[in-house]
Amino acid sequence: MKKEGFGVNVLIVGHRCFRCEHAWVPRNISEVPEICPKCKSPYWKKPKTRFNKNEKKKLNSKKKKESKR
């Protein structure tokens, strides 16, 4: 995650959940959390392989936008 300040780029070490897309900064950086604090999923660090219809539409629209660039 990048956070921009006043003319300075600051890199903040954190985690992002692949399931709910929640991003957080851990209290202890050396430990990897077992679950996502928001959705409580133990699979927060593994990308999803199955999607529902709405999620498939979002993925397809993102891919189309990237290919147009």
N, C-alpha and C. Protein backbone atom coordinates (compact mmCIF):
# COMPACT_ATOMS: atom_id res chain seq x y z
N MET A 1 0.84 -1.18 0.00
CA MET A 1 0.00 0.00 0.00
C MET A 1 0.89 1.24 0.00
N LYS A 2 0.51 2.21 -0.79
CA LYS A 2 1.24 3.47 -0.80
C LYS A 2 0.34 4.56 -0.27
N LYS A 3 0.91 5.42 0.53
CA LYS A 3 0.17 6.56 1.04
C LYS A 3 0.98 7.81 0.71
N GLU A 4 0.34 8.77 0.11
CA GLU A 4 1.05 9.97 -0.29
C GLU A 4 0.83 11.08 0.73
N GLY A 5 1.92 11.73 1.09
CA GLY A 5 1.86 12.85 2.01
C GLY A 5 2.09 14.13 1.24
N PHE A 6 2.60 15.13 1.89
CA PHE A 6 2.87 16.41 1.26
C PHE A 6 4.19 16.34 0.51
N GLY A 7 4.15 15.90 -0.75
CA GLY A 7 5.32 15.84 -1.58
C GLY A 7 6.24 14.66 -1.29
N VAL A 8 5.83 13.78 -0.41
CA VAL A 8 6.68 12.66 -0.04
C VAL A 8 5.87 11.38 -0.18
N ASN A 9 6.47 10.36 -0.81
CA ASN A 9 5.82 9.05 -0.89
C ASN A 9 6.29 8.22 0.29
N VAL A 10 5.34 7.69 1.04
CA VAL A 10 5.63 6.88 2.21
C VAL A 10 5.11 5.49 1.96
N LEU A 11 5.95 4.49 2.14
CA LEU A 11 5.55 3.11 1.97
C LEU A 11 5.14 2.55 3.33
N ILE A 12 3.91 2.09 3.43
CA ILE A 12 3.40 1.51 4.67
C ILE A 12 3.21 0.02 4.43
N VAL A 13 3.82 -0.78 5.29
CA VAL A 13 3.71 -2.24 5.17
C VAL A 13 2.38 -2.67 5.76
N GLY A 14 1.63 -3.44 4.98
CA GLY A 14 0.33 -3.89 5.44
C GLY A 14 -0.10 -5.13 4.70
N HIS A 15 -1.34 -5.52 4.92
CA HIS A 15 -1.91 -6.70 4.29
C HIS A 15 -3.22 -6.33 3.60
N ARG A 16 -3.60 -7.12 2.58
CA ARG A 16 -4.88 -6.94 1.89
C ARG A 16 -5.52 -8.30 1.72
N CYS A 17 -6.81 -8.39 2.04
CA CYS A 17 -7.57 -9.63 1.93
C CYS A 17 -8.04 -9.82 0.49
N PHE A 18 -7.80 -11.01 -0.08
CA PHE A 18 -8.26 -11.30 -1.43
C PHE A 18 -9.77 -11.51 -1.46
N ARG A 19 -10.37 -11.83 -0.34
CA ARG A 19 -11.81 -12.12 -0.30
C ARG A 19 -12.66 -10.85 -0.24
N CYS A 20 -12.39 -10.01 0.76
CA CYS A 20 -13.23 -8.81 0.95
C CYS A 20 -12.51 -7.52 0.58
N GLU A 21 -11.23 -7.62 0.16
CA GLU A 21 -10.40 -6.49 -0.24
C GLU A 21 -10.14 -5.49 0.88
N HIS A 22 -10.26 -5.95 2.12
CA HIS A 22 -9.96 -5.11 3.28
C HIS A 22 -8.45 -4.97 3.41
N ALA A 23 -7.96 -3.77 3.69
CA ALA A 23 -6.53 -3.54 3.88
C ALA A 23 -6.30 -3.06 5.30
N TRP A 24 -5.24 -3.56 5.94
CA TRP A 24 -4.95 -3.18 7.31
C TRP A 24 -3.46 -3.23 7.57
N VAL A 25 -3.06 -2.51 8.61
CA VAL A 25 -1.68 -2.50 9.06
C VAL A 25 -1.63 -3.33 10.35
N PRO A 26 -0.80 -4.37 10.38
CA PRO A 26 -0.76 -5.22 11.56
C PRO A 26 -0.05 -4.54 12.74
N ARG A 27 -0.39 -4.97 13.94
CA ARG A 27 0.29 -4.44 15.13
C ARG A 27 1.73 -4.91 15.18
N ASN A 28 1.93 -6.20 14.85
CA ASN A 28 3.27 -6.77 14.85
C ASN A 28 3.60 -7.18 13.41
N ILE A 29 4.55 -6.50 12.80
CA ILE A 29 4.86 -6.73 11.39
C ILE A 29 5.48 -8.10 11.14
N SER A 30 6.18 -8.63 12.14
CA SER A 30 6.88 -9.91 11.94
C SER A 30 5.94 -11.11 11.90
N GLU A 31 4.72 -10.98 12.42
CA GLU A 31 3.76 -12.08 12.43
C GLU A 31 2.76 -11.94 11.28
N VAL A 32 2.48 -13.04 10.60
CA VAL A 32 1.47 -13.06 9.55
C VAL A 32 0.14 -13.44 10.19
N PRO A 33 -0.91 -12.64 10.02
CA PRO A 33 -2.19 -12.96 10.65
C PRO A 33 -2.80 -14.24 10.10
N GLU A 34 -3.54 -14.95 10.95
CA GLU A 34 -4.18 -16.19 10.54
C GLU A 34 -5.49 -15.94 9.79
N ILE A 35 -6.21 -14.88 10.17
CA ILE A 35 -7.50 -14.57 9.54
C ILE A 35 -7.57 -13.08 9.23
N CYS A 36 -8.47 -12.75 8.31
CA CYS A 36 -8.76 -11.35 8.00
C CYS A 36 -9.56 -10.76 9.15
N PRO A 37 -9.21 -9.58 9.66
CA PRO A 37 -9.95 -9.01 10.78
C PRO A 37 -11.38 -8.58 10.43
N LYS A 38 -11.67 -8.38 9.15
CA LYS A 38 -13.01 -7.95 8.76
C LYS A 38 -13.93 -9.12 8.47
N CYS A 39 -13.53 -10.00 7.52
CA CYS A 39 -14.43 -11.09 7.11
C CYS A 39 -14.12 -12.40 7.83
N LYS A 40 -13.04 -12.43 8.61
CA LYS A 40 -12.65 -13.61 9.41
C LYS A 40 -12.29 -14.82 8.55
N SER A 41 -11.93 -14.61 7.30
CA SER A 41 -11.59 -15.72 6.40
C SER A 41 -10.15 -16.17 6.65
N PRO A 42 -9.93 -17.47 6.84
CA PRO A 42 -8.56 -17.96 6.97
C PRO A 42 -7.83 -18.02 5.63
N TYR A 43 -8.55 -17.81 4.53
CA TYR A 43 -7.98 -17.85 3.18
C TYR A 43 -7.74 -16.45 2.63
N TRP A 44 -7.51 -15.47 3.49
CA TRP A 44 -7.37 -14.09 3.06
C TRP A 44 -6.17 -13.87 2.15
N LYS A 45 -5.14 -14.73 2.23
CA LYS A 45 -3.94 -14.51 1.42
C LYS A 45 -3.89 -15.36 0.17
N LYS A 46 -4.98 -16.10 -0.13
CA LYS A 46 -5.04 -16.91 -1.34
C LYS A 46 -6.06 -16.29 -2.30
N PRO A 47 -5.70 -16.11 -3.57
CA PRO A 47 -6.65 -15.54 -4.53
C PRO A 47 -7.85 -16.46 -4.73
N LYS A 48 -8.99 -15.84 -4.97
CA LYS A 48 -10.21 -16.62 -5.21
C LYS A 48 -10.12 -17.35 -6.55
N THR A 49 -10.69 -18.54 -6.62
CA THR A 49 -10.73 -19.29 -7.87
C THR A 49 -12.17 -19.45 -8.36
N ARG A 50 -13.12 -19.29 -7.47
CA ARG A 50 -14.54 -19.36 -7.86
C ARG A 50 -15.19 -18.01 -7.57
N PHE A 51 -16.01 -17.56 -8.52
CA PHE A 51 -16.65 -16.27 -8.38
C PHE A 51 -18.14 -16.40 -8.67
N ASN A 52 -18.93 -15.50 -8.06
CA ASN A 52 -20.35 -15.48 -8.41
C ASN A 52 -20.55 -14.61 -9.65
N LYS A 53 -21.75 -14.52 -10.17
CA LYS A 53 -22.01 -13.83 -11.44
C LYS A 53 -21.60 -12.36 -11.40
N ASN A 54 -21.91 -11.67 -10.31
CA ASN A 54 -21.57 -10.25 -10.22
C ASN A 54 -20.07 -10.03 -10.21
N GLU A 55 -19.34 -10.89 -9.50
CA GLU A 55 -17.89 -10.76 -9.45
C GLU A 55 -17.26 -11.05 -10.81
N LYS A 56 -17.83 -11.99 -11.57
CA LYS A 56 -17.31 -12.30 -12.91
C LYS A 56 -17.48 -11.10 -13.83
N LYS A 57 -18.61 -10.41 -13.73
CA LYS A 57 -18.85 -9.24 -14.57
C LYS A 57 -17.83 -8.15 -14.26
N LYS A 58 -17.53 -7.94 -12.97
CA LYS A 58 -16.56 -6.92 -12.58
C LYS A 58 -15.17 -7.27 -13.10
N LEU A 59 -14.80 -8.55 -13.00
CA LEU A 59 -13.48 -8.97 -13.50
C LEU A 59 -13.37 -8.79 -15.00
N ASN A 60 -14.42 -9.15 -15.73
CA ASN A 60 -14.40 -9.02 -17.19
C ASN A 60 -14.31 -7.55 -17.61
N SER A 61 -15.03 -6.67 -16.91
CA SER A 61 -14.98 -5.25 -17.27
C SER A 61 -13.61 -4.66 -16.96
N LYS A 62 -12.95 -5.11 -15.88
CA LYS A 62 -11.60 -4.63 -15.57
C LYS A 62 -10.61 -5.10 -16.63
N LYS A 63 -10.76 -6.34 -17.08
CA LYS A 63 -9.84 -6.88 -18.10
C LYS A 63 -10.00 -6.12 -19.41
N LYS A 64 -11.25 -5.78 -19.77
CA LYS A 64 -11.50 -5.04 -21.01
C LYS A 64 -10.87 -3.64 -20.94
N LYS A 65 -10.99 -2.99 -19.78
CA LYS A 65 -10.40 -1.65 -19.62
C LYS A 65 -8.89 -1.71 -19.71
N GLU A 66 -8.28 -2.75 -19.13
CA GLU A 66 -6.83 -2.88 -19.19
C GLU A 66 -6.34 -3.17 -20.60
N SER A 67 -7.11 -3.94 -21.37
CA SER A 67 -6.68 -4.27 -22.73
C SER A 67 -6.81 -3.06 -23.66
N LYS A 68 -7.69 -2.12 -23.38
CA LYS A 68 -7.85 -0.94 -24.20
C LYS A 68 -6.68 0.02 -24.03
N ARG A 69 -5.99 -0.04 -22.91
CA ARG A 69 -4.88 0.89 -22.63
C ARG A 69 -3.71 0.60 -23.44
